[in-house]
Amino acid sequence: MRTETSRFKDYIETKGLYFTPERQCIAEEVFSNHKHLDAEELLKILKTKGSKASRATVYRTLDLLVESGLVDKIDLGDGRAAYEHTAGHTHHDHLICIKCGSVEEFEEPLIEQLQDWACEKAGFKATGHNLNIYGYCRSCNATQ
């Protein structure tokens, strides 16, 4: 079975780019992590593990991971983005706290049905979607 890292390596090579040790380290960390990481968090994790990946390399590699379809980019609504790998995960949506930045995943079949209905009604063929709901998490809401 091919790993996500090997699939990313193949993708990189089809673009005429090199699969450098830094890119490999970044990809392996993203694929082994089950949190919603932003680029700065990822950079800190890599530095604690001795990686020599630069900030620019982290950002460019994350863009390539998203472009490859192996990672999703989530708009946190404050100019930041978080990243999560898609392999082995079912479709889900996000509740994003605008105070503390927490991201909670949820699945709601009714929302999926309504989206399908809206597409059918408009004669639109959807290829994917992202739903992010912004507000205050339970903890932050209690302090409002």
N, C-alpha and C. Protein backbone atom coordinates (compact mmCIF):
# COMPACT_ATOMS: atom_id res chain seq x y z
N MET A 1 0.85 -1.19 0.00
CA MET A 1 0.00 0.00 0.00
C MET A 1 0.89 1.25 0.00
N ARG A 2 0.57 2.20 -0.85
CA ARG A 2 1.35 3.43 -0.96
C ARG A 2 0.97 4.39 0.15
N THR A 3 1.97 5.01 0.72
CA THR A 3 1.72 5.99 1.77
C THR A 3 1.36 7.34 1.15
N GLU A 4 0.79 8.21 1.98
CA GLU A 4 0.49 9.56 1.53
C GLU A 4 1.78 10.28 1.12
N THR A 5 2.86 10.02 1.87
CA THR A 5 4.14 10.66 1.55
C THR A 5 4.63 10.23 0.17
N SER A 6 4.50 8.96 -0.16
CA SER A 6 4.95 8.50 -1.47
C SER A 6 4.05 9.07 -2.58
N ARG A 7 2.77 9.21 -2.30
CA ARG A 7 1.87 9.82 -3.27
C ARG A 7 2.24 11.29 -3.49
N PHE A 8 2.61 11.99 -2.40
CA PHE A 8 3.04 13.37 -2.52
C PHE A 8 4.34 13.47 -3.30
N LYS A 9 5.25 12.55 -3.05
CA LYS A 9 6.53 12.52 -3.78
C LYS A 9 6.26 12.39 -5.28
N ASP A 10 5.38 11.48 -5.65
CA ASP A 10 5.02 11.31 -7.07
C ASP A 10 4.44 12.59 -7.64
N TYR A 11 3.58 13.26 -6.87
CA TYR A 11 2.97 14.50 -7.33
C TYR A 11 4.04 15.57 -7.56
N ILE A 12 4.93 15.71 -6.61
CA ILE A 12 6.01 16.70 -6.71
C ILE A 12 6.84 16.46 -7.98
N GLU A 13 7.17 15.20 -8.22
CA GLU A 13 8.01 14.87 -9.37
C GLU A 13 7.29 15.12 -10.69
N THR A 14 5.95 14.94 -10.73
CA THR A 14 5.22 15.23 -11.97
C THR A 14 5.23 16.72 -12.29
N LYS A 15 5.48 17.55 -11.28
CA LYS A 15 5.56 19.00 -11.49
C LYS A 15 6.99 19.44 -11.81
N GLY A 16 7.90 18.47 -11.91
CA GLY A 16 9.28 18.79 -12.23
C GLY A 16 10.05 19.36 -11.04
N LEU A 17 9.55 19.10 -9.82
CA LEU A 17 10.20 19.59 -8.61
C LEU A 17 10.94 18.45 -7.91
N TYR A 18 11.82 18.81 -7.01
CA TYR A 18 12.57 17.83 -6.23
C TYR A 18 11.85 17.54 -4.92
N PHE A 19 11.87 16.27 -4.55
CA PHE A 19 11.32 15.86 -3.25
C PHE A 19 12.47 15.92 -2.25
N THR A 20 12.70 17.10 -1.72
CA THR A 20 13.83 17.34 -0.83
C THR A 20 13.59 16.73 0.54
N PRO A 21 14.65 16.55 1.33
CA PRO A 21 14.46 16.05 2.70
C PRO A 21 13.54 16.97 3.52
N GLU A 22 13.60 18.28 3.27
CA GLU A 22 12.73 19.21 3.99
C GLU A 22 11.27 18.97 3.63
N ARG A 23 11.00 18.81 2.33
CA ARG A 23 9.62 18.53 1.90
C ARG A 23 9.13 17.20 2.47
N GLN A 24 10.01 16.22 2.50
CA GLN A 24 9.63 14.92 3.06
C GLN A 24 9.29 15.05 4.54
N CYS A 25 10.11 15.77 5.27
CA CYS A 25 9.89 15.97 6.71
C CYS A 25 8.57 16.69 6.96
N ILE A 26 8.28 17.70 6.18
CA ILE A 26 7.03 18.46 6.31
C ILE A 26 5.84 17.55 6.03
N ALA A 27 5.90 16.82 4.92
CA ALA A 27 4.80 15.93 4.55
C ALA A 27 4.57 14.87 5.62
N GLU A 28 5.63 14.25 6.09
CA GLU A 28 5.49 13.21 7.11
C GLU A 28 4.86 13.75 8.38
N GLU A 29 5.23 14.97 8.77
CA GLU A 29 4.64 15.57 9.97
C GLU A 29 3.16 15.86 9.77
N VAL A 30 2.81 16.40 8.62
CA VAL A 30 1.40 16.68 8.35
C VAL A 30 0.59 15.40 8.34
N PHE A 31 1.10 14.35 7.70
CA PHE A 31 0.35 13.10 7.59
C PHE A 31 0.30 12.33 8.90
N SER A 32 1.22 12.57 9.81
CA SER A 32 1.21 11.85 11.09
C SER A 32 0.44 12.61 12.16
N ASN A 33 0.09 13.86 11.88
CA ASN A 33 -0.59 14.69 12.86
C ASN A 33 -2.09 14.70 12.59
N HIS A 34 -2.87 14.58 13.64
CA HIS A 34 -4.33 14.53 13.47
C HIS A 34 -5.01 15.79 14.01
N LYS A 35 -4.24 16.87 14.09
CA LYS A 35 -4.78 18.16 14.50
C LYS A 35 -4.92 19.06 13.29
N HIS A 36 -5.59 20.17 13.47
CA HIS A 36 -5.66 21.21 12.46
C HIS A 36 -4.48 22.14 12.73
N LEU A 37 -3.42 22.00 11.96
CA LEU A 37 -2.20 22.77 12.19
C LEU A 37 -2.14 24.00 11.31
N ASP A 38 -1.68 25.12 11.88
CA ASP A 38 -1.35 26.24 11.00
C ASP A 38 0.14 26.17 10.69
N ALA A 39 0.57 26.95 9.72
CA ALA A 39 1.95 26.86 9.23
C ALA A 39 2.97 27.17 10.33
N GLU A 40 2.66 28.14 11.17
CA GLU A 40 3.59 28.51 12.24
C GLU A 40 3.71 27.41 13.28
N GLU A 41 2.59 26.76 13.62
CA GLU A 41 2.65 25.61 14.55
C GLU A 41 3.49 24.49 13.95
N LEU A 42 3.27 24.23 12.68
CA LEU A 42 4.03 23.19 12.00
C LEU A 42 5.51 23.50 12.01
N LEU A 43 5.87 24.75 11.74
CA LEU A 43 7.27 25.16 11.75
C LEU A 43 7.89 24.92 13.12
N LYS A 44 7.18 25.26 14.20
CA LYS A 44 7.69 25.05 15.57
C LYS A 44 7.92 23.57 15.84
N ILE A 45 6.96 22.73 15.44
CA ILE A 45 7.09 21.28 15.63
C ILE A 45 8.33 20.77 14.90
N LEU A 46 8.49 21.19 13.66
CA LEU A 46 9.63 20.74 12.86
C LEU A 46 10.95 21.17 13.48
N LYS A 47 11.00 22.41 13.98
CA LYS A 47 12.25 22.92 14.59
C LYS A 47 12.60 22.12 15.84
N THR A 48 11.58 21.74 16.64
CA THR A 48 11.87 20.94 17.84
C THR A 48 12.39 19.55 17.48
N LYS A 49 12.10 19.11 16.27
CA LYS A 49 12.58 17.80 15.81
C LYS A 49 13.87 17.92 15.01
N GLY A 50 14.45 19.13 14.98
CA GLY A 50 15.74 19.32 14.32
C GLY A 50 15.69 19.57 12.83
N SER A 51 14.51 19.81 12.29
CA SER A 51 14.40 20.06 10.86
C SER A 51 15.03 21.39 10.49
N LYS A 52 15.60 21.45 9.29
CA LYS A 52 16.19 22.68 8.78
C LYS A 52 15.24 23.40 7.81
N ALA A 53 13.99 22.96 7.76
CA ALA A 53 13.02 23.57 6.83
C ALA A 53 12.79 25.03 7.21
N SER A 54 12.84 25.89 6.21
CA SER A 54 12.60 27.32 6.44
C SER A 54 11.11 27.60 6.45
N ARG A 55 10.74 28.77 6.93
CA ARG A 55 9.34 29.22 6.94
C ARG A 55 8.80 29.20 5.50
N ALA A 56 9.57 29.72 4.56
CA ALA A 56 9.12 29.77 3.16
C ALA A 56 8.89 28.36 2.61
N THR A 57 9.77 27.42 2.96
CA THR A 57 9.62 26.04 2.50
C THR A 57 8.36 25.41 3.09
N VAL A 58 8.08 25.70 4.35
CA VAL A 58 6.87 25.17 4.98
C VAL A 58 5.64 25.69 4.24
N TYR A 59 5.57 26.99 4.01
CA TYR A 59 4.40 27.57 3.33
C TYR A 59 4.27 27.04 1.90
N ARG A 60 5.36 26.96 1.16
CA ARG A 60 5.29 26.47 -0.22
C ARG A 60 4.90 24.99 -0.25
N THR A 61 5.43 24.21 0.69
CA THR A 61 5.10 22.79 0.71
C THR A 61 3.64 22.57 1.09
N LEU A 62 3.14 23.36 2.03
CA LEU A 62 1.72 23.25 2.38
C LEU A 62 0.84 23.57 1.16
N ASP A 63 1.22 24.59 0.40
CA ASP A 63 0.47 24.91 -0.83
C ASP A 63 0.49 23.73 -1.80
N LEU A 64 1.64 23.08 -1.94
CA LEU A 64 1.75 21.92 -2.84
C LEU A 64 0.93 20.75 -2.31
N LEU A 65 0.90 20.55 -1.00
CA LEU A 65 0.09 19.48 -0.42
C LEU A 65 -1.39 19.71 -0.69
N VAL A 66 -1.83 20.96 -0.58
CA VAL A 66 -3.23 21.29 -0.88
C VAL A 66 -3.50 21.06 -2.36
N GLU A 67 -2.61 21.57 -3.20
CA GLU A 67 -2.73 21.41 -4.65
C GLU A 67 -2.82 19.94 -5.06
N SER A 68 -2.11 19.08 -4.33
CA SER A 68 -2.09 17.65 -4.64
C SER A 68 -3.39 16.95 -4.27
N GLY A 69 -4.21 17.60 -3.44
CA GLY A 69 -5.46 16.99 -3.01
C GLY A 69 -5.31 16.11 -1.78
N LEU A 70 -4.12 16.04 -1.22
CA LEU A 70 -3.88 15.19 -0.05
C LEU A 70 -4.12 15.92 1.26
N VAL A 71 -4.24 17.24 1.20
CA VAL A 71 -4.42 18.08 2.38
C VAL A 71 -5.47 19.14 2.06
N ASP A 72 -6.31 19.45 3.05
CA ASP A 72 -7.28 20.53 2.92
C ASP A 72 -6.79 21.75 3.69
N LYS A 73 -7.10 22.91 3.15
CA LYS A 73 -6.78 24.18 3.79
C LYS A 73 -8.08 24.74 4.36
N ILE A 74 -8.07 25.10 5.63
CA ILE A 74 -9.25 25.61 6.31
C ILE A 74 -9.03 27.07 6.66
N ASP A 75 -9.91 27.92 6.19
CA ASP A 75 -9.84 29.35 6.50
C ASP A 75 -10.33 29.55 7.93
N LEU A 76 -9.44 30.03 8.81
CA LEU A 76 -9.81 30.25 10.20
C LEU A 76 -10.52 31.59 10.41
N GLY A 77 -10.63 32.38 9.36
CA GLY A 77 -11.41 33.60 9.42
C GLY A 77 -10.68 34.81 9.97
N ASP A 78 -9.42 34.68 10.31
CA ASP A 78 -8.66 35.81 10.87
C ASP A 78 -7.37 36.04 10.10
N GLY A 79 -7.39 35.62 8.84
CA GLY A 79 -6.18 35.75 8.03
C GLY A 79 -5.26 34.55 8.13
N ARG A 80 -5.56 33.64 9.04
CA ARG A 80 -4.76 32.42 9.19
C ARG A 80 -5.49 31.26 8.53
N ALA A 81 -4.72 30.23 8.25
CA ALA A 81 -5.29 29.00 7.70
C ALA A 81 -4.75 27.83 8.49
N ALA A 82 -5.55 26.79 8.58
CA ALA A 82 -5.11 25.54 9.20
C ALA A 82 -5.15 24.47 8.11
N TYR A 83 -4.41 23.41 8.36
CA TYR A 83 -4.29 22.35 7.36
C TYR A 83 -4.58 21.01 8.03
N GLU A 84 -5.23 20.14 7.26
CA GLU A 84 -5.48 18.78 7.75
C GLU A 84 -5.38 17.82 6.57
N HIS A 85 -4.81 16.64 6.84
CA HIS A 85 -4.70 15.68 5.74
C HIS A 85 -6.04 15.00 5.55
N THR A 86 -6.32 14.63 4.32
CA THR A 86 -7.63 14.09 3.97
C THR A 86 -7.65 12.57 3.90
N ALA A 87 -6.52 11.95 3.76
CA ALA A 87 -6.46 10.50 3.59
C ALA A 87 -7.02 9.79 4.82
N GLY A 88 -7.95 8.88 4.57
CA GLY A 88 -8.51 8.10 5.65
C GLY A 88 -9.56 8.84 6.48
N HIS A 89 -9.91 10.05 6.08
CA HIS A 89 -10.91 10.82 6.82
C HIS A 89 -12.19 10.92 6.00
N THR A 90 -13.31 10.82 6.68
CA THR A 90 -14.58 11.02 6.00
C THR A 90 -14.84 12.52 5.90
N HIS A 91 -15.73 12.89 4.99
CA HIS A 91 -16.06 14.31 4.84
C HIS A 91 -16.65 14.83 6.15
N HIS A 92 -16.24 16.04 6.51
CA HIS A 92 -16.78 16.69 7.70
C HIS A 92 -16.68 18.20 7.51
N ASP A 93 -17.37 18.92 8.36
CA ASP A 93 -17.36 20.37 8.33
C ASP A 93 -16.75 20.86 9.64
N HIS A 94 -16.63 22.19 9.78
CA HIS A 94 -15.90 22.74 10.93
C HIS A 94 -16.66 23.84 11.64
N LEU A 95 -16.55 23.84 12.97
CA LEU A 95 -16.98 24.93 13.82
C LEU A 95 -15.71 25.61 14.29
N ILE A 96 -15.55 26.89 13.97
CA ILE A 96 -14.30 27.59 14.25
C ILE A 96 -14.56 28.74 15.22
N CYS A 97 -13.88 28.69 16.37
CA CYS A 97 -14.04 29.73 17.38
C CYS A 97 -13.20 30.95 16.99
N ILE A 98 -13.87 32.11 16.91
CA ILE A 98 -13.17 33.33 16.51
C ILE A 98 -12.44 33.99 17.68
N LYS A 99 -12.60 33.42 18.88
CA LYS A 99 -11.89 33.97 20.04
C LYS A 99 -10.61 33.18 20.32
N CYS A 100 -10.74 31.87 20.50
CA CYS A 100 -9.56 31.06 20.88
C CYS A 100 -8.95 30.31 19.70
N GLY A 101 -9.66 30.25 18.56
CA GLY A 101 -9.13 29.59 17.38
C GLY A 101 -9.34 28.08 17.33
N SER A 102 -10.08 27.54 18.29
CA SER A 102 -10.31 26.09 18.28
C SER A 102 -11.13 25.70 17.05
N VAL A 103 -10.89 24.49 16.58
CA VAL A 103 -11.61 23.96 15.42
C VAL A 103 -12.22 22.63 15.83
N GLU A 104 -13.54 22.54 15.69
CA GLU A 104 -14.23 21.31 16.02
C GLU A 104 -14.85 20.75 14.75
N GLU A 105 -14.64 19.48 14.50
CA GLU A 105 -15.21 18.83 13.33
C GLU A 105 -16.61 18.34 13.65
N PHE A 106 -17.49 18.36 12.64
CA PHE A 106 -18.81 17.78 12.82
C PHE A 106 -19.31 17.24 11.48
N GLU A 107 -20.22 16.29 11.57
CA GLU A 107 -20.89 15.73 10.40
C GLU A 107 -22.38 15.87 10.61
N GLU A 108 -23.08 16.34 9.60
CA GLU A 108 -24.54 16.49 9.69
C GLU A 108 -25.17 16.09 8.36
N PRO A 109 -25.78 14.90 8.32
CA PRO A 109 -26.38 14.41 7.07
C PRO A 109 -27.43 15.36 6.49
N LEU A 110 -28.18 16.05 7.33
CA LEU A 110 -29.22 16.97 6.84
C LEU A 110 -28.60 18.10 6.02
N ILE A 111 -27.46 18.63 6.47
CA ILE A 111 -26.77 19.68 5.71
C ILE A 111 -26.34 19.14 4.35
N GLU A 112 -25.82 17.92 4.33
CA GLU A 112 -25.38 17.30 3.07
C GLU A 112 -26.57 17.13 2.13
N GLN A 113 -27.73 16.70 2.66
CA GLN A 113 -28.92 16.52 1.84
C GLN A 113 -29.39 17.85 1.26
N LEU A 114 -29.37 18.91 2.07
CA LEU A 114 -29.79 20.23 1.59
C LEU A 114 -28.87 20.74 0.50
N GLN A 115 -27.58 20.50 0.64
CA GLN A 115 -26.63 20.92 -0.40
C GLN A 115 -26.90 20.17 -1.69
N ASP A 116 -27.13 18.87 -1.59
CA ASP A 116 -27.44 18.06 -2.78
C ASP A 116 -28.71 18.57 -3.44
N TRP A 117 -29.74 18.88 -2.65
CA TRP A 117 -31.00 19.39 -3.16
C TRP A 117 -30.79 20.72 -3.88
N ALA A 118 -30.01 21.63 -3.28
CA ALA A 118 -29.75 22.94 -3.89
C ALA A 118 -29.03 22.78 -5.23
N CYS A 119 -28.08 21.87 -5.28
CA CYS A 119 -27.36 21.62 -6.54
C CYS A 119 -28.29 21.04 -7.60
N GLU A 120 -29.09 20.06 -7.20
CA GLU A 120 -30.02 19.44 -8.15
C GLU A 120 -31.00 20.47 -8.70
N LYS A 121 -31.53 21.30 -7.83
CA LYS A 121 -32.50 22.33 -8.22
C LYS A 121 -31.89 23.31 -9.24
N ALA A 122 -30.61 23.61 -9.08
CA ALA A 122 -29.93 24.56 -9.97
C ALA A 122 -29.29 23.88 -11.17
N GLY A 123 -29.39 22.55 -11.26
CA GLY A 123 -28.74 21.83 -12.35
C GLY A 123 -27.22 21.91 -12.24
N PHE A 124 -26.73 21.98 -11.03
CA PHE A 124 -25.31 22.18 -10.76
C PHE A 124 -24.68 20.86 -10.33
N LYS A 125 -23.54 20.55 -10.92
CA LYS A 125 -22.83 19.32 -10.54
C LYS A 125 -21.69 19.70 -9.60
N ALA A 126 -21.85 19.41 -8.32
CA ALA A 126 -20.84 19.75 -7.32
C ALA A 126 -19.70 18.74 -7.36
N THR A 127 -18.50 19.24 -7.16
CA THR A 127 -17.32 18.36 -7.08
C THR A 127 -16.73 18.35 -5.68
N GLY A 128 -17.27 19.18 -4.80
CA GLY A 128 -16.81 19.21 -3.42
C GLY A 128 -17.26 20.50 -2.77
N HIS A 129 -17.10 20.57 -1.48
CA HIS A 129 -17.44 21.78 -0.75
C HIS A 129 -16.75 21.79 0.61
N ASN A 130 -16.68 22.98 1.18
CA ASN A 130 -16.18 23.15 2.54
C ASN A 130 -17.17 24.02 3.28
N LEU A 131 -17.54 23.63 4.47
CA LEU A 131 -18.42 24.44 5.29
C LEU A 131 -17.70 24.74 6.60
N ASN A 132 -17.49 26.01 6.85
CA ASN A 132 -16.91 26.47 8.09
C ASN A 132 -17.91 27.41 8.74
N ILE A 133 -18.23 27.15 9.99
CA ILE A 133 -19.13 28.01 10.75
C ILE A 133 -18.30 28.72 11.81
N TYR A 134 -18.37 30.04 11.82
CA TYR A 134 -17.57 30.86 12.73
C TYR A 134 -18.44 31.36 13.88
N GLY A 135 -17.86 31.36 15.07
CA GLY A 135 -18.58 31.83 16.25
C GLY A 135 -17.73 31.61 17.48
N TYR A 136 -18.39 31.31 18.59
CA TYR A 136 -17.70 31.11 19.87
C TYR A 136 -17.91 29.69 20.37
N CYS A 137 -16.82 29.03 20.73
CA CYS A 137 -16.91 27.67 21.28
C CYS A 137 -17.59 27.71 22.65
N ARG A 138 -17.89 26.56 23.19
CA ARG A 138 -18.56 26.47 24.48
C ARG A 138 -17.79 27.22 25.57
N SER A 139 -16.48 27.05 25.63
CA SER A 139 -15.67 27.71 26.67
C SER A 139 -15.68 29.21 26.52
N CYS A 140 -15.46 29.69 25.30
CA CYS A 140 -15.41 31.14 25.06
C CYS A 140 -16.79 31.77 25.21
N ASN A 141 -17.82 31.05 24.83
CA ASN A 141 -19.18 31.55 24.94
C ASN A 141 -19.56 31.75 26.40
N ALA A 142 -19.06 30.89 27.27
CA ALA A 142 -19.35 30.99 28.71
C ALA A 142 -18.74 32.23 29.33
N THR A 143 -17.67 32.76 28.73
CA THR A 143 -17.00 33.94 29.27
C THR A 143 -17.47 35.23 28.62
N GLN A 144 -18.40 35.13 27.68
CA GLN A 144 -18.93 36.33 26.99
C GLN A 144 -19.86 37.12 27.89
